[in-house]
Amino acid sequence: MMEEGYNYVKKAEENLENAQEALFKPQEDIVSFVVCKNSQFAVESFLKGFLLQNEIDPTPYKTIDDLYDQCKAIDVLLAEIRQ
């Protein structure tokens, strides 16, 4: 599970990088949808990676809120992150 968790984190970093690259394009070339979706995928992948690294199968959790709630149950410091 640890390796799969690492793969999710790697994927999240790539999605976040893609979102950041899109933000630095000239104003007329920025596609808000692409930035938002890449950011969403990054958050979801980070959360899934965190769960897998803590040996919890993320597949039952279908939403980012569900994933986040499960992560907060593991590490209470995550509750300090504002939604």
PDB file of N, CA and C in Angstrom:
ATOM      1  N   MET A   1       0.814  -1.207   0.000  1.00  0.00           N
ATOM      2  CA  MET A   1       0.000   0.000   0.000  1.00  0.00           C
ATOM      3  C   MET A   1       0.850   1.261   0.000  1.00  0.00           C
ATOM      4  N   MET A   2       2.014   1.162   0.629  1.00  0.00           N
ATOM      5  CA  MET A   2       2.877   2.341   0.703  1.00  0.00           C
ATOM      6  C   MET A   2       3.283   2.816  -0.690  1.00  0.00           C
ATOM      7  N   GLU A   3       3.647   1.879  -1.559  1.00  0.00           N
ATOM      8  CA  GLU A   3       4.064   2.271  -2.909  1.00  0.00           C
ATOM      9  C   GLU A   3       2.903   2.882  -3.682  1.00  0.00           C
ATOM     10  N   GLU A   4       1.717   2.313  -3.526  1.00  0.00           N
ATOM     11  CA  GLU A   4       0.546   2.873  -4.193  1.00  0.00           C
ATOM     12  C   GLU A   4       0.261   4.276  -3.656  1.00  0.00           C
ATOM     13  N   GLY A   5       0.430   4.461  -2.356  1.00  0.00           N
ATOM     14  CA  GLY A   5       0.260   5.785  -1.765  1.00  0.00           C
ATOM     15  C   GLY A   5       1.258   6.776  -2.333  1.00  0.00           C
ATOM     16  N   TYR A   6       2.502   6.328  -2.492  1.00  0.00           N
ATOM     17  CA  TYR A   6       3.537   7.179  -3.087  1.00  0.00           C
ATOM     18  C   TYR A   6       3.146   7.569  -4.510  1.00  0.00           C
ATOM     19  N   ASN A   7       2.589   6.614  -5.272  1.00  0.00           N
ATOM     20  CA  ASN A   7       2.171   6.901  -6.653  1.00  0.00           C
ATOM     21  C   ASN A   7       1.074   7.956  -6.692  1.00  0.00           C
ATOM     22  N   TYR A   8       0.142   7.901  -5.741  1.00  0.00           N
ATOM     23  CA  TYR A   8      -0.911   8.916  -5.680  1.00  0.00           C
ATOM     24  C   TYR A   8      -0.320  10.291  -5.376  1.00  0.00           C
ATOM     25  N   VAL A   9       0.623  10.343  -4.474  1.00  0.00           N
ATOM     26  CA  VAL A   9       1.258  11.621  -4.135  1.00  0.00           C
ATOM     27  C   VAL A   9       2.003  12.169  -5.347  1.00  0.00           C
ATOM     28  N   LYS A  10       2.696  11.305  -6.061  1.00  0.00           N
ATOM     29  CA  LYS A  10       3.411  11.711  -7.276  1.00  0.00           C
ATOM     30  C   LYS A  10       2.432  12.284  -8.310  1.00  0.00           C
ATOM     31  N   LYS A  11       1.299  11.588  -8.476  1.00  0.00           N
ATOM     32  CA  LYS A  11       0.267  12.049  -9.410  1.00  0.00           C
ATOM     33  C   LYS A  11      -0.296  13.398  -8.960  1.00  0.00           C
ATOM     34  N   ALA A  12      -0.492  13.554  -7.661  1.00  0.00           N
ATOM     35  CA  ALA A  12      -1.009  14.816  -7.127  1.00  0.00           C
ATOM     36  C   ALA A  12      -0.049  15.957  -7.415  1.00  0.00           C
ATOM     37  N   GLU A  13       1.238  15.707  -7.247  1.00  0.00           N
ATOM     38  CA  GLU A  13       2.235  16.738  -7.527  1.00  0.00           C
ATOM     39  C   GLU A  13       2.217  17.132  -8.997  1.00  0.00           C
ATOM     40  N   GLU A  14       2.018  16.164  -9.876  1.00  0.00           N
ATOM     41  CA  GLU A  14       1.938  16.463 -11.313  1.00  0.00           C
ATOM     42  C   GLU A  14       0.702  17.300 -11.623  1.00  0.00           C
ATOM     43  N   ASN A  15      -0.446  16.947 -11.030  1.00  0.00           N
ATOM     44  CA  ASN A  15      -1.670  17.716 -11.256  1.00  0.00           C
ATOM     45  C   ASN A  15      -1.526  19.142 -10.749  1.00  0.00           C
ATOM     46  N   LEU A  16      -0.912  19.289  -9.600  1.00  0.00           N
ATOM     47  CA  LEU A  16      -0.708  20.616  -9.033  1.00  0.00           C
ATOM     48  C   LEU A  16       0.230  21.440  -9.911  1.00  0.00           C
ATOM     49  N   GLU A  17       1.262  20.803 -10.413  1.00  0.00           N
ATOM     50  CA  GLU A  17       2.184  21.488 -11.322  1.00  0.00           C
ATOM     51  C   GLU A  17       1.460  21.922 -12.598  1.00  0.00           C
ATOM     52  N   ASN A  18       0.596  21.070 -13.135  1.00  0.00           N
ATOM     53  CA  ASN A  18      -0.172  21.420 -14.334  1.00  0.00           C
ATOM     54  C   ASN A  18      -1.080  22.618 -14.069  1.00  0.00           C
ATOM     55  N   ALA A  19      -1.709  22.643 -12.903  1.00  0.00           N
ATOM     56  CA  ALA A  19      -2.575  23.773 -12.553  1.00  0.00           C
ATOM     57  C   ALA A  19      -1.761  25.056 -12.444  1.00  0.00           C
ATOM     58  N   GLN A  20      -0.594  24.974 -11.814  1.00  0.00           N
ATOM     59  CA  GLN A  20       0.257  26.153 -11.666  1.00  0.00           C
ATOM     60  C   GLN A  20       0.752  26.660 -13.017  1.00  0.00           C
ATOM     61  N   GLU A  21       1.121  25.731 -13.898  1.00  0.00           N
ATOM     62  CA  GLU A  21       1.572  26.135 -15.237  1.00  0.00           C
ATOM     63  C   GLU A  21       0.465  26.853 -15.986  1.00  0.00           C
ATOM     64  N   ALA A  22      -0.757  26.356 -15.849  1.00  0.00           N
ATOM     65  CA  ALA A  22      -1.891  26.985 -16.533  1.00  0.00           C
ATOM     66  C   ALA A  22      -2.134  28.394 -16.007  1.00  0.00           C
ATOM     67  N   LEU A  23      -1.882  28.604 -14.723  1.00  0.00           N
ATOM     68  CA  LEU A  23      -2.090  29.935 -14.144  1.00  0.00           C
ATOM     69  C   LEU A  23      -1.080  30.960 -14.650  1.00  0.00           C
ATOM     70  N   PHE A  24       0.085  30.502 -15.069  1.00  0.00           N
ATOM     71  CA  PHE A  24       1.121  31.426 -15.521  1.00  0.00           C
ATOM     72  C   PHE A  24       1.074  31.690 -17.025  1.00  0.00           C
ATOM     73  N   LYS A  25       0.054  31.170 -17.682  1.00  0.00           N
ATOM     74  CA  LYS A  25      -0.117  31.459 -19.104  1.00  0.00           C
ATOM     75  C   LYS A  25      -0.657  32.883 -19.254  1.00  0.00           C
ATOM     76  N   PRO A  26      -0.512  33.454 -20.438  1.00  0.00           N
ATOM     77  CA  PRO A  26      -1.120  34.775 -20.658  1.00  0.00           C
ATOM     78  C   PRO A  26      -2.622  34.724 -20.359  1.00  0.00           C
ATOM     79  N   GLN A  27      -3.155  35.810 -19.870  1.00  0.00           N
ATOM     80  CA  GLN A  27      -4.547  35.883 -19.430  1.00  0.00           C
ATOM     81  C   GLN A  27      -5.523  35.271 -20.439  1.00  0.00           C
ATOM     82  N   GLU A  28      -5.329  35.542 -21.718  1.00  0.00           N
ATOM     83  CA  GLU A  28      -6.269  35.049 -22.726  1.00  0.00           C
ATOM     84  C   GLU A  28      -6.162  33.535 -22.944  1.00  0.00           C
ATOM     85  N   ASP A  29      -5.079  32.922 -22.456  1.00  0.00           N
ATOM     86  CA  ASP A  29      -4.885  31.486 -22.628  1.00  0.00           C
ATOM     87  C   ASP A  29      -5.272  30.665 -21.399  1.00  0.00           C
ATOM     88  N   ILE A  30      -5.567  31.319 -20.282  1.00  0.00           N
ATOM     89  CA  ILE A  30      -5.909  30.591 -19.061  1.00  0.00           C
ATOM     90  C   ILE A  30      -7.285  29.967 -19.220  1.00  0.00           C
ATOM     91  N   VAL A  31      -7.347  28.697 -18.934  1.00  0.00           N
ATOM     92  CA  VAL A  31      -8.620  27.993 -18.968  1.00  0.00           C
ATOM     93  C   VAL A  31      -8.962  27.628 -17.521  1.00  0.00           C
ATOM     94  N   SER A  32      -9.929  28.337 -16.957  1.00  0.00           N
ATOM     95  CA  SER A  32     -10.280  28.159 -15.549  1.00  0.00           C
ATOM     96  C   SER A  32     -10.621  26.716 -15.225  1.00  0.00           C
ATOM     97  N   PHE A  33     -11.349  26.068 -16.121  1.00  0.00           N
ATOM     98  CA  PHE A  33     -11.763  24.685 -15.893  1.00  0.00           C
ATOM     99  C   PHE A  33     -10.547  23.781 -15.695  1.00  0.00           C
ATOM    100  N   VAL A  34      -9.532  23.954 -16.521  1.00  0.00           N
ATOM    101  CA  VAL A  34      -8.326  23.119 -16.440  1.00  0.00           C
ATOM    102  C   VAL A  34      -7.627  23.338 -15.103  1.00  0.00           C
ATOM    103  N   VAL A  35      -7.516  24.590 -14.678  1.00  0.00           N
ATOM    104  CA  VAL A  35      -6.876  24.899 -13.401  1.00  0.00           C
ATOM    105  C   VAL A  35      -7.665  24.261 -12.259  1.00  0.00           C
ATOM    106  N   CYS A  36      -8.968  24.421 -12.277  1.00  0.00           N
ATOM    107  CA  CYS A  36      -9.808  23.878 -11.207  1.00  0.00           C
ATOM    108  C   CYS A  36      -9.763  22.354 -11.163  1.00  0.00           C
ATOM    109  N   LYS A  37      -9.893  21.705 -12.307  1.00  0.00           N
ATOM    110  CA  LYS A  37      -9.892  20.243 -12.330  1.00  0.00           C
ATOM    111  C   LYS A  37      -8.547  19.679 -11.900  1.00  0.00           C
ATOM    112  N   ASN A  38      -7.459  20.262 -12.359  1.00  0.00           N
ATOM    113  CA  ASN A  38      -6.144  19.781 -11.942  1.00  0.00           C
ATOM    114  C   ASN A  38      -5.947  19.973 -10.445  1.00  0.00           C
ATOM    115  N   SER A  39      -6.441  21.070  -9.919  1.00  0.00           N
ATOM    116  CA  SER A  39      -6.350  21.308  -8.474  1.00  0.00           C
ATOM    117  C   SER A  39      -7.192  20.291  -7.708  1.00  0.00           C
ATOM    118  N   GLN A  40      -8.380  20.032  -8.195  1.00  0.00           N
ATOM    119  CA  GLN A  40      -9.258  19.042  -7.566  1.00  0.00           C
ATOM    120  C   GLN A  40      -8.614  17.658  -7.585  1.00  0.00           C
ATOM    121  N   PHE A  41      -8.078  17.270  -8.726  1.00  0.00           N
ATOM    122  CA  PHE A  41      -7.419  15.963  -8.832  1.00  0.00           C
ATOM    123  C   PHE A  41      -6.220  15.881  -7.895  1.00  0.00           C
ATOM    124  N   ALA A  42      -5.496  16.986  -7.745  1.00  0.00           N
ATOM    125  CA  ALA A  42      -4.333  17.008  -6.859  1.00  0.00           C
ATOM    126  C   ALA A  42      -4.763  16.771  -5.410  1.00  0.00           C
ATOM    127  N   VAL A  43      -5.786  17.481  -4.960  1.00  0.00           N
ATOM    128  CA  VAL A  43      -6.264  17.320  -3.583  1.00  0.00           C
ATOM    129  C   VAL A  43      -6.729  15.890  -3.354  1.00  0.00           C
ATOM    130  N   GLU A  44      -7.511  15.384  -4.282  1.00  0.00           N
ATOM    131  CA  GLU A  44      -8.023  14.014  -4.151  1.00  0.00           C
ATOM    132  C   GLU A  44      -6.882  12.997  -4.102  1.00  0.00           C
ATOM    133  N   SER A  45      -5.904  13.168  -4.949  1.00  0.00           N
ATOM    134  CA  SER A  45      -4.773  12.237  -4.976  1.00  0.00           C
ATOM    135  C   SER A  45      -3.917  12.333  -3.718  1.00  0.00           C
ATOM    136  N   PHE A  46      -3.697  13.561  -3.212  1.00  0.00           N
ATOM    137  CA  PHE A  46      -2.952  13.714  -1.962  1.00  0.00           C
ATOM    138  C   PHE A  46      -3.671  12.985  -0.822  1.00  0.00           C
ATOM    139  N   LEU A  47      -4.980  13.152  -0.736  1.00  0.00           N
ATOM    140  CA  LEU A  47      -5.745  12.509   0.333  1.00  0.00           C
ATOM    141  C   LEU A  47      -5.710  10.988   0.203  1.00  0.00           C
ATOM    142  N   LYS A  48      -5.887  10.484  -1.014  1.00  0.00           N
ATOM    143  CA  LYS A  48      -5.826   9.029  -1.228  1.00  0.00           C
ATOM    144  C   LYS A  48      -4.435   8.496  -0.892  1.00  0.00           C
ATOM    145  N   GLY A  49      -3.420   9.223  -1.293  1.00  0.00           N
ATOM    146  CA  GLY A  49      -2.052   8.818  -0.979  1.00  0.00           C
ATOM    147  C   GLY A  49      -1.813   8.767   0.516  1.00  0.00           C
ATOM    148  N   PHE A  50      -2.331   9.750   1.235  1.00  0.00           N
ATOM    149  CA  PHE A  50      -2.190   9.788   2.688  1.00  0.00           C
ATOM    150  C   PHE A  50      -2.862   8.570   3.320  1.00  0.00           C
ATOM    151  N   LEU A  51      -4.065   8.259   2.856  1.00  0.00           N
ATOM    152  CA  LEU A  51      -4.766   7.097   3.402  1.00  0.00           C
ATOM    153  C   LEU A  51      -4.006   5.807   3.118  1.00  0.00           C
ATOM    154  N   LEU A  52      -3.546   5.659   1.900  1.00  0.00           N
ATOM    155  CA  LEU A  52      -2.810   4.442   1.547  1.00  0.00           C
ATOM    156  C   LEU A  52      -1.519   4.318   2.343  1.00  0.00           C
ATOM    157  N   GLN A  53      -0.842   5.422   2.563  1.00  0.00           N
ATOM    158  CA  GLN A  53       0.392   5.379   3.352  1.00  0.00           C
ATOM    159  C   GLN A  53       0.105   5.031   4.814  1.00  0.00           C
ATOM    160  N   ASN A  54      -1.144   5.187   5.217  1.00  0.00           N
ATOM    161  CA  ASN A  54      -1.564   4.784   6.556  1.00  0.00           C
ATOM    162  C   ASN A  54      -2.345   3.469   6.522  1.00  0.00           C
ATOM    163  N   GLU A  55      -2.164   2.739   5.417  1.00  0.00           N
ATOM    164  CA  GLU A  55      -2.724   1.407   5.217  1.00  0.00           C
ATOM    165  C   GLU A  55      -4.246   1.361   5.302  1.00  0.00           C
ATOM    166  N   ILE A  56      -4.878   2.390   4.730  1.00  0.00           N
ATOM    167  CA  ILE A  56      -6.333   2.446   4.646  1.00  0.00           C
ATOM    168  C   ILE A  56      -6.719   2.522   3.172  1.00  0.00           C
ATOM    169  N   ASP A  57      -7.615   1.631   2.771  1.00  0.00           N
ATOM    170  CA  ASP A  57      -8.090   1.594   1.396  1.00  0.00           C
ATOM    171  C   ASP A  57      -9.019   2.786   1.150  1.00  0.00           C
ATOM    172  N   PRO A  58      -8.676   3.669   0.202  1.00  0.00           N
ATOM    173  CA  PRO A  58      -9.498   4.854  -0.022  1.00  0.00           C
ATOM    174  C   PRO A  58     -10.732   4.622  -0.898  1.00  0.00           C
ATOM    175  N   THR A  59     -10.870   3.450  -1.491  1.00  0.00           N
ATOM    176  CA  THR A  59     -11.956   3.255  -2.463  1.00  0.00           C
ATOM    177  C   THR A  59     -13.371   3.424  -1.901  1.00  0.00           C
ATOM    178  N   PRO A  60     -13.634   3.154  -0.617  1.00  0.00           N
ATOM    179  CA  PRO A  60     -15.006   3.378  -0.137  1.00  0.00           C
ATOM    180  C   PRO A  60     -15.387   4.859  -0.052  1.00  0.00           C
ATOM    181  N   TYR A  61     -14.421   5.741  -0.094  1.00  0.00           N
ATOM    182  CA  TYR A  61     -14.668   7.170   0.083  1.00  0.00           C
ATOM    183  C   TYR A  61     -14.779   7.830  -1.288  1.00  0.00           C
ATOM    184  N   LYS A  62     -15.974   8.263  -1.611  1.00  0.00           N
ATOM    185  CA  LYS A  62     -16.270   8.716  -2.980  1.00  0.00           C
ATOM    186  C   LYS A  62     -16.102  10.211  -3.204  1.00  0.00           C
ATOM    187  N   THR A  63     -16.088  10.999  -2.142  1.00  0.00           N
ATOM    188  CA  THR A  63     -15.966  12.448  -2.313  1.00  0.00           C
ATOM    189  C   THR A  63     -14.712  12.951  -1.603  1.00  0.00           C
ATOM    190  N   ILE A  64     -14.303  14.148  -1.964  1.00  0.00           N
ATOM    191  CA  ILE A  64     -13.161  14.761  -1.290  1.00  0.00           C
ATOM    192  C   ILE A  64     -13.489  14.969   0.186  1.00  0.00           C
ATOM    193  N   ASP A  65     -14.719  15.332   0.505  1.00  0.00           N
ATOM    194  CA  ASP A  65     -15.111  15.505   1.905  1.00  0.00           C
ATOM    195  C   ASP A  65     -14.974  14.199   2.680  1.00  0.00           C
ATOM    196  N   ASP A  66     -15.410  13.089   2.078  1.00  0.00           N
ATOM    197  CA  ASP A  66     -15.277  11.787   2.741  1.00  0.00           C
ATOM    198  C   ASP A  66     -13.811  11.429   2.960  1.00  0.00           C
ATOM    199  N   LEU A  67     -12.987  11.647   1.933  1.00  0.00           N
ATOM    200  CA  LEU A  67     -11.556  11.367   2.054  1.00  0.00           C
ATOM    201  C   LEU A  67     -10.926  12.237   3.148  1.00  0.00           C
ATOM    202  N   TYR A  68     -11.284  13.510   3.143  1.00  0.00           N
ATOM    203  CA  TYR A  68     -10.748  14.458   4.124  1.00  0.00           C
ATOM    204  C   TYR A  68     -11.150  14.065   5.545  1.00  0.00           C
ATOM    205  N   ASP A  69     -12.415  13.690   5.721  1.00  0.00           N
ATOM    206  CA  ASP A  69     -12.879  13.266   7.045  1.00  0.00           C
ATOM    207  C   ASP A  69     -12.097  12.059   7.548  1.00  0.00           C
ATOM    208  N   GLN A  70     -11.834  11.109   6.658  1.00  0.00           N
ATOM    209  CA  GLN A  70     -11.071   9.926   7.050  1.00  0.00           C
ATOM    210  C   GLN A  70      -9.629  10.301   7.395  1.00  0.00           C
ATOM    211  N   CYS A  71      -9.058  11.216   6.638  1.00  0.00           N
ATOM    212  CA  CYS A  71      -7.686  11.663   6.917  1.00  0.00           C
ATOM    213  C   CYS A  71      -7.614  12.381   8.256  1.00  0.00           C
ATOM    214  N   LYS A  72      -8.631  13.204   8.558  1.00  0.00           N
ATOM    215  CA  LYS A  72      -8.663  13.913   9.851  1.00  0.00           C
ATOM    216  C   LYS A  72      -8.761  12.926  11.011  1.00  0.00           C
ATOM    217  N   ALA A  73      -9.408  11.788  10.786  1.00  0.00           N
ATOM    218  CA  ALA A  73      -9.516  10.777  11.836  1.00  0.00           C
ATOM    219  C   ALA A  73      -8.144  10.166  12.147  1.00  0.00           C
ATOM    220  N   ILE A  74      -7.256  10.201  11.174  1.00  0.00           N
ATOM    221  CA  ILE A  74      -5.906   9.668  11.357  1.00  0.00           C
ATOM    222  C   ILE A  74      -4.990  10.714  11.974  1.00  0.00           C
ATOM    223  N   ASP A  75      -5.090  11.933  11.482  1.00  0.00           N
ATOM    224  CA  ASP A  75      -4.206  13.013  11.943  1.00  0.00           C
ATOM    225  C   ASP A  75      -5.052  14.248  12.252  1.00  0.00           C
ATOM    226  N   VAL A  76      -5.234  14.507  13.536  1.00  0.00           N
ATOM    227  CA  VAL A  76      -6.114  15.614  13.956  1.00  0.00           C
ATOM    228  C   VAL A  76      -5.599  16.973  13.502  1.00  0.00           C
ATOM    229  N   LEU A  77      -4.316  17.090  13.216  1.00  0.00           N
ATOM    230  CA  LEU A  77      -3.782  18.364  12.734  1.00  0.00           C
ATOM    231  C   LEU A  77      -4.379  18.755  11.381  1.00  0.00           C
ATOM    232  N   LEU A  78      -4.845  17.776  10.634  1.00  0.00           N
ATOM    233  CA  LEU A  78      -5.477  18.093   9.344  1.00  0.00           C
ATOM    234  C   LEU A  78      -6.791  18.857   9.541  1.00  0.00           C
ATOM    235  N   ALA A  79      -7.360  18.753  10.709  1.00  0.00           N
ATOM    236  CA  ALA A  79      -8.606  19.478  10.983  1.00  0.00           C
ATOM    237  C   ALA A  79      -8.380  20.993  10.988  1.00  0.00           C
ATOM    238  N   GLU A  80      -7.134  21.410  11.126  1.00  0.00           N
ATOM    239  CA  GLU A  80      -6.816  22.839  11.131  1.00  0.00           C
ATOM    240  C   GLU A  80      -6.850  23.465   9.737  1.00  0.00           C
ATOM    241  N   ILE A  81      -6.894  22.614   8.707  1.00  0.00           N
ATOM    242  CA  ILE A  81      -6.967  23.118   7.332  1.00  0.00           C
ATOM    243  C   ILE A  81      -8.373  23.625   7.080  1.00  0.00           C
ATOM    244  N   ARG A  82      -8.455  24.824   6.604  1.00  0.00           N
ATOM    245  CA  ARG A  82      -9.776  25.422   6.319  1.00  0.00           C
ATOM    246  C   ARG A  82     -10.252  24.963   4.957  1.00  0.00           C
ATOM    247  N   GLN A  83     -11.538  24.678   4.896  1.00  0.00           N
ATOM    248  CA  GLN A  83     -12.135  24.224   3.634  1.00  0.00           C
ATOM    249  C   GLN A  83     -12.588  25.391   2.819  1.00  0.00           C
TER     250      GLN A  83
END
